[in-house]
Amino acid sequence: MQAEKKILQPQSAEAAYKELVRMGMSDKEGFSIKTFMKYYRK
């Protein structure tokens, strides 16, 4: 959907990660900022 310009994602992967953790996403092993940044598409 992002390629079709139907959704907007934050430019900063760190900001997106912080918001997801705030909403309840786990930040344990396998859900670290490093892993998230590896798979985040800008």
N, C-alpha and C. Protein backbone atom coordinates (compact mmCIF):
# COMPACT_ATOMS: atom_id res chain seq x y z
N MET A 1 0.81 -1.19 0.00
CA MET A 1 0.00 0.00 0.00
C MET A 1 0.86 1.26 0.00
N GLN A 2 2.03 1.18 0.61
CA GLN A 2 2.86 2.38 0.64
C GLN A 2 3.36 2.73 -0.76
N ALA A 3 3.63 1.72 -1.58
CA ALA A 3 4.08 1.98 -2.95
C ALA A 3 2.99 2.69 -3.75
N GLU A 4 1.74 2.44 -3.39
CA GLU A 4 0.62 3.08 -4.08
C GLU A 4 0.25 4.42 -3.44
N LYS A 5 1.04 4.87 -2.45
CA LYS A 5 0.82 6.15 -1.76
C LYS A 5 -0.51 6.20 -1.01
N LYS A 6 -0.96 5.04 -0.50
CA LYS A 6 -2.22 4.99 0.24
C LYS A 6 -2.01 5.07 1.75
N ILE A 7 -0.80 4.80 2.21
CA ILE A 7 -0.50 4.95 3.63
C ILE A 7 0.81 5.72 3.78
N LEU A 8 0.96 6.39 4.88
CA LEU A 8 2.19 7.12 5.16
C LEU A 8 2.87 6.50 6.37
N GLN A 9 4.18 6.33 6.29
CA GLN A 9 4.95 5.80 7.40
C GLN A 9 5.88 6.89 7.91
N PRO A 10 6.18 6.88 9.21
CA PRO A 10 7.15 7.85 9.73
C PRO A 10 8.50 7.67 9.04
N GLN A 11 9.19 8.75 8.77
CA GLN A 11 10.50 8.67 8.14
C GLN A 11 11.53 8.04 9.07
N SER A 12 11.36 8.24 10.36
CA SER A 12 12.30 7.71 11.34
C SER A 12 11.82 6.36 11.85
N ALA A 13 12.63 5.33 11.66
CA ALA A 13 12.30 4.00 12.16
C ALA A 13 12.24 3.99 13.68
N GLU A 14 13.08 4.79 14.30
CA GLU A 14 13.10 4.85 15.76
C GLU A 14 11.79 5.41 16.31
N ALA A 15 11.24 6.42 15.66
CA ALA A 15 9.97 6.99 16.09
C ALA A 15 8.85 5.96 15.95
N ALA A 16 8.86 5.21 14.86
CA ALA A 16 7.84 4.18 14.65
C ALA A 16 7.97 3.09 15.72
N TYR A 17 9.19 2.68 16.02
CA TYR A 17 9.42 1.64 17.02
C TYR A 17 8.94 2.10 18.40
N LYS A 18 9.27 3.32 18.77
CA LYS A 18 8.86 3.84 20.08
C LYS A 18 7.34 3.88 20.20
N GLU A 19 6.66 4.25 19.14
CA GLU A 19 5.19 4.30 19.16
C GLU A 19 4.60 2.90 19.27
N LEU A 20 5.17 1.94 18.57
CA LEU A 20 4.68 0.55 18.65
C LEU A 20 4.88 -0.02 20.06
N VAL A 21 6.01 0.27 20.67
CA VAL A 21 6.26 -0.19 22.05
C VAL A 21 5.27 0.49 23.00
N ARG A 22 5.03 1.77 22.78
CA ARG A 22 4.07 2.50 23.61
C ARG A 22 2.68 1.88 23.51
N MET A 23 2.31 1.40 22.33
CA MET A 23 0.99 0.81 22.14
C MET A 23 0.92 -0.65 22.58
N GLY A 24 2.05 -1.23 22.99
CA GLY A 24 1.99 -2.58 23.56
C GLY A 24 2.85 -3.63 22.89
N MET A 25 3.58 -3.29 21.85
CA MET A 25 4.46 -4.28 21.22
C MET A 25 5.58 -4.65 22.19
N SER A 26 5.93 -5.91 22.21
CA SER A 26 7.00 -6.38 23.08
C SER A 26 8.33 -5.75 22.68
N ASP A 27 9.18 -5.52 23.65
CA ASP A 27 10.53 -5.05 23.35
C ASP A 27 11.57 -6.04 23.87
N LYS A 28 11.15 -7.28 23.99
CA LYS A 28 12.04 -8.35 24.45
C LYS A 28 12.90 -8.86 23.29
N GLU A 29 13.59 -9.96 23.51
CA GLU A 29 14.47 -10.55 22.50
C GLU A 29 13.69 -10.84 21.21
N GLY A 30 14.26 -10.46 20.09
CA GLY A 30 13.60 -10.65 18.80
C GLY A 30 12.77 -9.45 18.38
N PHE A 31 12.52 -8.53 19.30
CA PHE A 31 11.73 -7.34 19.00
C PHE A 31 12.54 -6.08 19.33
N SER A 32 13.84 -6.16 19.23
CA SER A 32 14.68 -5.02 19.59
C SER A 32 14.65 -3.96 18.49
N ILE A 33 15.15 -2.79 18.82
CA ILE A 33 15.21 -1.69 17.85
C ILE A 33 16.11 -2.07 16.68
N LYS A 34 17.16 -2.82 16.95
CA LYS A 34 18.09 -3.24 15.89
C LYS A 34 17.37 -4.13 14.87
N THR A 35 16.59 -5.09 15.34
CA THR A 35 15.84 -5.97 14.46
C THR A 35 14.78 -5.19 13.69
N PHE A 36 14.10 -4.30 14.38
CA PHE A 36 13.06 -3.50 13.74
C PHE A 36 13.64 -2.65 12.62
N MET A 37 14.77 -2.02 12.86
CA MET A 37 15.39 -1.16 11.85
C MET A 37 15.86 -1.96 10.64
N LYS A 38 16.20 -3.22 10.85
CA LYS A 38 16.64 -4.08 9.76
C LYS A 38 15.51 -4.32 8.76
N TYR A 39 14.28 -4.43 9.24
CA TYR A 39 13.14 -4.77 8.39
C TYR A 39 12.21 -3.60 8.07
N TYR A 40 12.46 -2.44 8.63
CA TYR A 40 11.60 -1.28 8.40
C TYR A 40 11.83 -0.72 7.02
N ARG A 41 10.76 -0.53 6.27
CA ARG A 41 10.87 0.05 4.92
C ARG A 41 10.56 1.53 4.97
N LYS A 42 11.42 2.32 4.38
CA LYS A 42 11.25 3.77 4.39
C LYS A 42 10.43 4.21 3.21
